């Protein structure tokens, strides 16, 4: 994961890590698609699994699982939760 001095994205989270969505850095049509899938600001997401080659990634949010390309995940800014 990136250091605290830089912006963390969903793609930066390790398997098992959780984070809260803070912002989107993409064009409006893609942002609207992500919002329709439930990826809204303030939502907590957890990385469940990465495909063998690292793409796509499986995440859990709002009680369901979602597969997301790393390229899309890298456009979603998150605030990582502290690991116990």
PDB file of N, CA and C in Angstrom:
ATOM      1  N   UNK A   1       0.841  -1.176   0.000  1.00  0.00           N
ATOM      2  CA  UNK A   1       0.000   0.000   0.000  1.00  0.00           C
ATOM      3  C   UNK A   1       0.889   1.242   0.000  1.00  0.00           C
ATOM      4  N   UNK A   2       0.363   2.337  -0.516  1.00  0.00           N
ATOM      5  CA  UNK A   2       1.134   3.572  -0.572  1.00  0.00           C
ATOM      6  C   UNK A   2       1.276   4.175   0.816  1.00  0.00           C
ATOM      7  N   UNK A   3       2.234   5.068   0.958  1.00  0.00           N
ATOM      8  CA  UNK A   3       2.445   5.731   2.242  1.00  0.00           C
ATOM      9  C   UNK A   3       1.335   6.729   2.507  1.00  0.00           C
ATOM     10  N   UNK A   4       1.244   7.186   3.744  1.00  0.00           N
ATOM     11  CA  UNK A   4       0.164   8.088   4.120  1.00  0.00           C
ATOM     12  C   UNK A   4       0.286   9.472   3.479  1.00  0.00           C
ATOM     13  N   UNK A   5       1.444   9.814   2.923  1.00  0.00           N
ATOM     14  CA  UNK A   5       1.613  11.125   2.318  1.00  0.00           C
ATOM     15  C   UNK A   5       1.040  11.187   0.902  1.00  0.00           C
ATOM     16  N   UNK A   6       0.662  10.049   0.342  1.00  0.00           N
ATOM     17  CA  UNK A   6       0.073  10.020  -0.986  1.00  0.00           C
ATOM     18  C   UNK A   6      -1.364   9.527  -0.887  1.00  0.00           C
ATOM     19  N   UNK A   7      -2.088   9.693  -1.971  1.00  0.00           N
ATOM     20  CA  UNK A   7      -3.475   9.266  -2.025  1.00  0.00           C
ATOM     21  C   UNK A   7      -3.518   7.760  -2.244  1.00  0.00           C
ATOM     22  N   UNK A   8      -4.297   7.062  -1.440  1.00  0.00           N
ATOM     23  CA  UNK A   8      -4.473   5.621  -1.606  1.00  0.00           C
ATOM     24  C   UNK A   8      -5.690   5.377  -2.486  1.00  0.00           C
ATOM     25  N   UNK A   9      -5.588   4.391  -3.357  1.00  0.00           N
ATOM     26  CA  UNK A   9      -6.715   4.013  -4.200  1.00  0.00           C
ATOM     27  C   UNK A   9      -7.152   2.609  -3.832  1.00  0.00           C
ATOM     28  N   UNK A  10      -8.306   2.231  -4.316  1.00  0.00           N
ATOM     29  CA  UNK A  10      -8.819   0.897  -4.065  1.00  0.00           C
ATOM     30  C   UNK A  10      -7.861  -0.165  -4.609  1.00  0.00           C
ATOM     31  N   UNK A  11      -7.198   0.121  -5.702  1.00  0.00           N
ATOM     32  CA  UNK A  11      -6.249  -0.821  -6.293  1.00  0.00           C
ATOM     33  C   UNK A  11      -5.015  -1.029  -5.414  1.00  0.00           C
ATOM     34  N   UNK A  12      -4.724  -0.099  -4.519  1.00  0.00           N
ATOM     35  CA  UNK A  12      -3.563  -0.194  -3.637  1.00  0.00           C
ATOM     36  C   UNK A  12      -3.794  -1.095  -2.428  1.00  0.00           C
ATOM     37  N   UNK A  13      -5.056  -1.383  -2.108  1.00  0.00           N
ATOM     38  CA  UNK A  13      -5.354  -2.172  -0.922  1.00  0.00           C
ATOM     39  C   UNK A  13      -4.946  -3.633  -1.133  1.00  0.00           C
ATOM     40  N   UNK A  14      -4.427  -4.239  -0.075  1.00  0.00           N
ATOM     41  CA  UNK A  14      -4.053  -5.650  -0.102  1.00  0.00           C
ATOM     42  C   UNK A  14      -5.283  -6.509   0.173  1.00  0.00           C
ATOM     43  N   UNK A  15      -5.182  -7.796  -0.145  1.00  0.00           N
ATOM     44  CA  UNK A  15      -6.254  -8.737   0.141  1.00  0.00           C
ATOM     45  C   UNK A  15      -6.521  -8.737   1.647  1.00  0.00           C
ATOM     46  N   UNK A  16      -7.783  -8.614   2.021  1.00  0.00           N
ATOM     47  CA  UNK A  16      -8.175  -8.567   3.428  1.00  0.00           C
ATOM     48  C   UNK A  16      -8.258  -7.164   3.998  1.00  0.00           C
ATOM     49  N   UNK A  17      -7.730  -6.190   3.278  1.00  0.00           N
ATOM     50  CA  UNK A  17      -7.746  -4.801   3.759  1.00  0.00           C
ATOM     51  C   UNK A  17      -9.101  -4.158   3.466  1.00  0.00           C
ATOM     52  N   UNK A  18      -9.437  -3.190   4.306  1.00  0.00           N
ATOM     53  CA  UNK A  18     -10.682  -2.449   4.141  1.00  0.00           C
ATOM     54  C   UNK A  18     -10.381  -0.968   4.009  1.00  0.00           C
ATOM     55  N   UNK A  19     -11.292  -0.267   3.357  1.00  0.00           N
ATOM     56  CA  UNK A  19     -11.154   1.167   3.211  1.00  0.00           C
ATOM     57  C   UNK A  19     -12.505   1.814   2.956  1.00  0.00           C
ATOM     58  N   UNK A  20     -12.560   3.118   3.122  1.00  0.00           N
ATOM     59  CA  UNK A  20     -13.780   3.883   2.902  1.00  0.00           C
ATOM     60  C   UNK A  20     -13.586   4.753   1.672  1.00  0.00           C
ATOM     61  N   UNK A  21     -14.539   4.703   0.768  1.00  0.00           N
ATOM     62  CA  UNK A  21     -14.453   5.477  -0.476  1.00  0.00           C
ATOM     63  C   UNK A  21     -14.543   6.959  -0.146  1.00  0.00           C
ATOM     64  N   UNK A  22     -13.600   7.740  -0.667  1.00  0.00           N
ATOM     65  CA  UNK A  22     -13.551   9.179  -0.430  1.00  0.00           C
ATOM     66  C   UNK A  22     -13.878   9.995  -1.683  1.00  0.00           C
ATOM     67  N   UNK A  23     -13.361   9.586  -2.850  1.00  0.00           N
ATOM     68  CA  UNK A  23     -13.523  10.405  -4.054  1.00  0.00           C
ATOM     69  C   UNK A  23     -13.294   9.556  -5.288  1.00  0.00           C
ATOM     70  N   UNK A  24     -13.670  10.110  -6.445  1.00  0.00           N
ATOM     71  CA  UNK A  24     -13.470   9.454  -7.737  1.00  0.00           C
ATOM     72  C   UNK A  24     -12.633  10.374  -8.617  1.00  0.00           C
ATOM     73  N   UNK A  25     -11.751   9.780  -9.401  1.00  0.00           N
ATOM     74  CA  UNK A  25     -10.893  10.551 -10.309  1.00  0.00           C
ATOM     75  C   UNK A  25     -11.073  10.010 -11.723  1.00  0.00           C
ATOM     76  N   UNK A  26     -12.293  10.193 -12.252  1.00  0.00           N
ATOM     77  CA  UNK A  26     -12.598   9.673 -13.583  1.00  0.00           C
ATOM     78  C   UNK A  26     -13.662  10.556 -14.228  1.00  0.00           C
ATOM     79  N   UNK A  27     -13.910  10.275 -15.494  1.00  0.00           N
ATOM     80  CA  UNK A  27     -14.920  11.017 -16.246  1.00  0.00           C
ATOM     81  C   UNK A  27     -16.317  10.675 -15.726  1.00  0.00           C
ATOM     82  N   UNK A  28     -17.248  11.558 -15.945  1.00  0.00           N
ATOM     83  CA  UNK A  28     -18.608  11.418 -15.428  1.00  0.00           C
ATOM     84  C   UNK A  28     -19.293  10.109 -15.843  1.00  0.00           C
ATOM     85  N   UNK A  29     -19.209   9.666 -17.105  1.00  0.00           N
ATOM     86  CA  UNK A  29     -19.894   8.412 -17.450  1.00  0.00           C
ATOM     87  C   UNK A  29     -19.403   7.208 -16.629  1.00  0.00           C
ATOM     88  N   UNK A  30     -18.102   7.101 -16.414  1.00  0.00           N
ATOM     89  CA  UNK A  30     -17.577   5.999 -15.612  1.00  0.00           C
ATOM     90  C   UNK A  30     -17.963   6.183 -14.153  1.00  0.00           C
ATOM     91  N   UNK A  31     -17.913   7.405 -13.648  1.00  0.00           N
ATOM     92  CA  UNK A  31     -18.292   7.655 -12.269  1.00  0.00           C
ATOM     93  C   UNK A  31     -19.756   7.279 -12.044  1.00  0.00           C
ATOM     94  N   UNK A  32     -20.616   7.599 -12.973  1.00  0.00           N
ATOM     95  CA  UNK A  32     -22.028   7.251 -12.856  1.00  0.00           C
ATOM     96  C   UNK A  32     -22.198   5.733 -12.820  1.00  0.00           C
ATOM     97  N   UNK A  33     -21.453   5.004 -13.643  1.00  0.00           N
ATOM     98  CA  UNK A  33     -21.515   3.544 -13.653  1.00  0.00           C
ATOM     99  C   UNK A  33     -21.072   2.971 -12.314  1.00  0.00           C
ATOM    100  N   UNK A  34     -19.992   3.516 -11.752  1.00  0.00           N
ATOM    101  CA  UNK A  34     -19.502   3.046 -10.454  1.00  0.00           C
ATOM    102  C   UNK A  34     -20.521   3.347  -9.351  1.00  0.00           C
ATOM    103  N   UNK A  35     -21.135   4.507  -9.403  1.00  0.00           N
ATOM    104  CA  UNK A  35     -22.157   4.860  -8.417  1.00  0.00           C
ATOM    105  C   UNK A  35     -23.350   3.910  -8.505  1.00  0.00           C
ATOM    106  N   UNK A  36     -23.744   3.548  -9.724  1.00  0.00           N
ATOM    107  CA  UNK A  36     -24.864   2.627  -9.917  1.00  0.00           C
ATOM    108  C   UNK A  36     -24.561   1.238  -9.359  1.00  0.00           C
ATOM    109  N   UNK A  37     -23.279   0.875  -9.288  1.00  0.00           N
ATOM    110  CA  UNK A  37     -22.882  -0.422  -8.739  1.00  0.00           C
ATOM    111  C   UNK A  37     -22.779  -0.376  -7.214  1.00  0.00           C
ATOM    112  N   UNK A  38     -23.048   0.785  -6.612  1.00  0.00           N
ATOM    113  CA  UNK A  38     -23.028   0.909  -5.164  1.00  0.00           C
ATOM    114  C   UNK A  38     -21.753   1.486  -4.592  1.00  0.00           C
ATOM    115  N   UNK A  39     -20.813   1.847  -5.435  1.00  0.00           N
ATOM    116  CA  UNK A  39     -19.549   2.442  -4.991  1.00  0.00           C
ATOM    117  C   UNK A  39     -19.747   3.939  -4.794  1.00  0.00           C
ATOM    118  N   UNK A  40     -20.283   4.297  -3.639  1.00  0.00           N
ATOM    119  CA  UNK A  40     -20.558   5.696  -3.343  1.00  0.00           C
ATOM    120  C   UNK A  40     -19.644   6.184  -2.226  1.00  0.00           C
ATOM    121  N   UNK A  41     -19.487   7.487  -2.132  1.00  0.00           N
ATOM    122  CA  UNK A  41     -18.638   8.074  -1.073  1.00  0.00           C
ATOM    123  C   UNK A  41     -19.141   7.634   0.297  1.00  0.00           C
ATOM    124  N   UNK A  42     -18.213   7.281   1.167  1.00  0.00           N
ATOM    125  CA  UNK A  42     -18.562   6.859   2.507  1.00  0.00           C
ATOM    126  C   UNK A  42     -18.806   5.363   2.655  1.00  0.00           C
ATOM    127  N   UNK A  43     -18.836   4.634   1.547  1.00  0.00           N
ATOM    128  CA  UNK A  43     -19.052   3.191   1.588  1.00  0.00           C
ATOM    129  C   UNK A  43     -17.762   2.481   1.959  1.00  0.00           C
ATOM    130  N   UNK A  44     -17.861   1.509   2.868  1.00  0.00           N
ATOM    131  CA  UNK A  44     -16.705   0.704   3.246  1.00  0.00           C
ATOM    132  C   UNK A  44     -16.607  -0.483   2.303  1.00  0.00           C
ATOM    133  N   UNK A  45     -15.408  -0.711   1.778  1.00  0.00           N
ATOM    134  CA  UNK A  45     -15.161  -1.839   0.880  1.00  0.00           C
ATOM    135  C   UNK A  45     -14.034  -2.689   1.449  1.00  0.00           C
ATOM    136  N   UNK A  46     -14.081  -3.977   1.148  1.00  0.00           N
ATOM    137  CA  UNK A  46     -13.043  -4.909   1.585  1.00  0.00           C
ATOM    138  C   UNK A  46     -12.566  -5.702   0.382  1.00  0.00           C
ATOM    139  N   UNK A  47     -11.255  -5.804   0.213  1.00  0.00           N
ATOM    140  CA  UNK A  47     -10.690  -6.590  -0.879  1.00  0.00           C
ATOM    141  C   UNK A  47     -10.715  -8.059  -0.455  1.00  0.00           C
ATOM    142  N   UNK A  48     -11.403  -8.880  -1.213  1.00  0.00           N
ATOM    143  CA  UNK A  48     -11.566 -10.293  -0.897  1.00  0.00           C
ATOM    144  C   UNK A  48     -10.522 -11.147  -1.595  1.00  0.00           C
ATOM    145  N   UNK A  49     -10.300 -10.890  -2.868  1.00  0.00           N
ATOM    146  CA  UNK A  49      -9.413 -11.754  -3.647  1.00  0.00           C
ATOM    147  C   UNK A  49      -8.941 -11.027  -4.901  1.00  0.00           C
ATOM    148  N   UNK A  50      -7.769 -11.419  -5.364  1.00  0.00           N
ATOM    149  CA  UNK A  50      -7.253 -10.958  -6.650  1.00  0.00           C
ATOM    150  C   UNK A  50      -7.187 -12.165  -7.584  1.00  0.00           C
ATOM    151  N   UNK A  51      -7.481 -11.958  -8.839  1.00  0.00           N
ATOM    152  CA  UNK A  51      -7.352 -13.027  -9.822  1.00  0.00           C
ATOM    153  C   UNK A  51      -5.880 -13.436  -9.902  1.00  0.00           C
ATOM    154  N   UNK A  52      -5.582 -14.621 -10.435  1.00  0.00           N
ATOM    155  CA  UNK A  52      -4.192 -15.095 -10.481  1.00  0.00           C
ATOM    156  C   UNK A  52      -3.195 -14.105 -11.085  1.00  0.00           C
ATOM    157  N   UNK A  53      -3.611 -13.356 -12.066  1.00  0.00           N
ATOM    158  CA  UNK A  53      -2.714 -12.366 -12.669  1.00  0.00           C
ATOM    159  C   UNK A  53      -2.946 -10.964 -12.092  1.00  0.00           C
ATOM    160  N   UNK A  54      -3.754 -10.876 -11.023  1.00  0.00           N
ATOM    161  CA  UNK A  54      -3.960  -9.601 -10.340  1.00  0.00           C
ATOM    162  C   UNK A  54      -5.118  -8.770 -10.848  1.00  0.00           C
ATOM    163  N   UNK A  55      -5.785  -9.222 -11.891  1.00  0.00           N
ATOM    164  CA  UNK A  55      -6.864  -8.432 -12.465  1.00  0.00           C
ATOM    165  C   UNK A  55      -7.936  -9.367 -12.995  1.00  0.00           C
ATOM    166  N   UNK A  56      -9.181  -9.284 -12.610  1.00  0.00           N
ATOM    167  CA  UNK A  56      -9.801  -8.261 -11.780  1.00  0.00           C
ATOM    168  C   UNK A  56      -9.649  -8.571 -10.286  1.00  0.00           C
ATOM    169  N   UNK A  57     -10.194  -7.688  -9.480  1.00  0.00           N
ATOM    170  CA  UNK A  57     -10.193  -7.893  -8.038  1.00  0.00           C
ATOM    171  C   UNK A  57     -11.634  -8.077  -7.571  1.00  0.00           C
ATOM    172  N   UNK A  58     -11.799  -8.898  -6.547  1.00  0.00           N
ATOM    173  CA  UNK A  58     -13.115  -9.146  -5.979  1.00  0.00           C
ATOM    174  C   UNK A  58     -13.210  -8.366  -4.676  1.00  0.00           C
ATOM    175  N   UNK A  59     -14.246  -7.548  -4.561  1.00  0.00           N
ATOM    176  CA  UNK A  59     -14.429  -6.737  -3.358  1.00  0.00           C
ATOM    177  C   UNK A  59     -15.804  -7.023  -2.760  1.00  0.00           C
ATOM    178  N   UNK A  60     -15.935  -6.717  -1.468  1.00  0.00           N
ATOM    179  CA  UNK A  60     -17.229  -6.849  -0.789  1.00  0.00           C
ATOM    180  C   UNK A  60     -17.648  -5.467  -0.315  1.00  0.00           C
ATOM    181  N   UNK A  61     -18.901  -5.137  -0.587  1.00  0.00           N
ATOM    182  CA  UNK A  61     -19.478  -3.881  -0.127  1.00  0.00           C
ATOM    183  C   UNK A  61     -20.976  -4.028  -0.021  1.00  0.00           C
ATOM    184  N   UNK A  62     -21.568  -3.358   0.934  1.00  0.00           N
ATOM    185  CA  UNK A  62     -23.028  -3.329   1.090  1.00  0.00           C
ATOM    186  C   UNK A  62     -23.670  -4.718   1.082  1.00  0.00           C
ATOM    187  N   UNK A  63     -22.938  -5.747   1.540  1.00  0.00           N
ATOM    188  CA  UNK A  63     -23.506  -7.087   1.631  1.00  0.00           C
ATOM    189  C   UNK A  63     -23.438  -7.913   0.361  1.00  0.00           C
ATOM    190  N   UNK A  64     -22.723  -7.459  -0.653  1.00  0.00           N
ATOM    191  CA  UNK A  64     -22.569  -8.262  -1.867  1.00  0.00           C
ATOM    192  C   UNK A  64     -21.143  -8.177  -2.379  1.00  0.00           C
ATOM    193  N   UNK A  65     -20.821  -9.036  -3.328  1.00  0.00           N
ATOM    194  CA  UNK A  65     -19.489  -9.100  -3.924  1.00  0.00           C
ATOM    195  C   UNK A  65     -19.534  -8.483  -5.307  1.00  0.00           C
ATOM    196  N   UNK A  66     -18.418  -7.859  -5.674  1.00  0.00           N
ATOM    197  CA  UNK A  66     -18.312  -7.181  -6.956  1.00  0.00           C
ATOM    198  C   UNK A  66     -16.913  -7.394  -7.514  1.00  0.00           C
ATOM    199  N   UNK A  67     -16.830  -7.713  -8.800  1.00  0.00           N
ATOM    200  CA  UNK A  67     -15.530  -7.796  -9.466  1.00  0.00           C
ATOM    201  C   UNK A  67     -15.283  -6.481 -10.176  1.00  0.00           C
ATOM    202  N   UNK A  68     -14.061  -5.988 -10.050  1.00  0.00           N
ATOM    203  CA  UNK A  68     -13.715  -4.682 -10.588  1.00  0.00           C
ATOM    204  C   UNK A  68     -12.326  -4.747 -11.200  1.00  0.00           C
ATOM    205  N   UNK A  69     -12.171  -4.172 -12.371  1.00  0.00           N
ATOM    206  CA  UNK A  69     -10.849  -4.116 -12.996  1.00  0.00           C
ATOM    207  C   UNK A  69      -9.927  -3.227 -12.185  1.00  0.00           C
ATOM    208  N   UNK A  70      -8.638  -3.569 -12.180  1.00  0.00           N
ATOM    209  CA  UNK A  70      -7.647  -2.753 -11.456  1.00  0.00           C
ATOM    210  C   UNK A  70      -7.612  -1.329 -12.003  1.00  0.00           C
ATOM    211  N   UNK A  71      -7.779  -1.175 -13.319  1.00  0.00           N
ATOM    212  CA  UNK A  71      -7.760   0.160 -13.919  1.00  0.00           C
ATOM    213  C   UNK A  71      -8.890   1.025 -13.354  1.00  0.00           C
ATOM    214  N   UNK A  72     -10.063   0.419 -13.137  1.00  0.00           N
ATOM    215  CA  UNK A  72     -11.176   1.164 -12.546  1.00  0.00           C
ATOM    216  C   UNK A  72     -10.928   1.411 -11.059  1.00  0.00           C
ATOM    217  N   UNK A  73     -10.404   0.400 -10.362  1.00  0.00           N
ATOM    218  CA  UNK A  73     -10.135   0.530  -8.929  1.00  0.00           C
ATOM    219  C   UNK A  73      -9.103   1.623  -8.649  1.00  0.00           C
ATOM    220  N   UNK A  74      -8.188   1.828  -9.581  1.00  0.00           N
ATOM    221  CA  UNK A  74      -7.152   2.845  -9.383  1.00  0.00           C
ATOM    222  C   UNK A  74      -7.707   4.269  -9.486  1.00  0.00           C
ATOM    223  N   UNK A  75      -8.945   4.409  -9.922  1.00  0.00           N
ATOM    224  CA  UNK A  75      -9.586   5.724 -10.042  1.00  0.00           C
ATOM    225  C   UNK A  75     -10.437   6.073  -8.822  1.00  0.00           C
ATOM    226  N   UNK A  76     -10.497   5.138  -7.862  1.00  0.00           N
ATOM    227  CA  UNK A  76     -11.321   5.329  -6.672  1.00  0.00           C
ATOM    228  C   UNK A  76     -10.414   5.593  -5.475  1.00  0.00           C
ATOM    229  N   UNK A  77     -10.484   6.791  -4.928  1.00  0.00           N
ATOM    230  CA  UNK A  77      -9.673   7.158  -3.769  1.00  0.00           C
ATOM    231  C   UNK A  77     -10.336   6.614  -2.506  1.00  0.00           C
ATOM    232  N   UNK A  78      -9.540   5.957  -1.666  1.00  0.00           N
ATOM    233  CA  UNK A  78     -10.058   5.397  -0.418  1.00  0.00           C
ATOM    234  C   UNK A  78      -9.210   5.841   0.768  1.00  0.00           C
ATOM    235  N   UNK A  79      -9.828   5.787   1.928  1.00  0.00           N
ATOM    236  CA  UNK A  79      -9.108   5.998   3.174  1.00  0.00           C
ATOM    237  C   UNK A  79      -8.981   4.630   3.822  1.00  0.00           C
ATOM    238  N   UNK A  80      -7.771   4.052   3.829  1.00  0.00           N
ATOM    239  CA  UNK A  80      -7.598   2.709   4.390  1.00  0.00           C
ATOM    240  C   UNK A  80      -7.895   2.683   5.884  1.00  0.00           C
ATOM    241  N   UNK A  81      -8.486   1.576   6.340  1.00  0.00           N
ATOM    242  CA  UNK A  81      -8.710   1.382   7.766  1.00  0.00           C
ATOM    243  C   UNK A  81      -7.436   0.850   8.383  1.00  0.00           C
ATOM    244  N   UNK A  82      -7.192   1.202   9.622  1.00  0.00           N
ATOM    245  CA  UNK A  82      -6.019   0.716  10.329  1.00  0.00           C
ATOM    246  C   UNK A  82      -6.157  -0.779  10.550  1.00  0.00           C
ATOM    247  N   UNK A  83      -5.077  -1.515  10.306  1.00  0.00           N
ATOM    248  CA  UNK A  83      -5.063  -2.964  10.513  1.00  0.00           C
ATOM    249  C   UNK A  83      -4.824  -3.257  11.987  1.00  0.00           C
ATOM    250  N   UNK A  84      -5.593  -4.191  12.579  1.00  0.00           N
ATOM    251  CA  UNK A  84      -5.394  -4.505  14.002  1.00  0.00           C
ATOM    252  C   UNK A  84      -4.090  -5.223  14.258  1.00  0.00           C
TER     253      UNK A  84
END
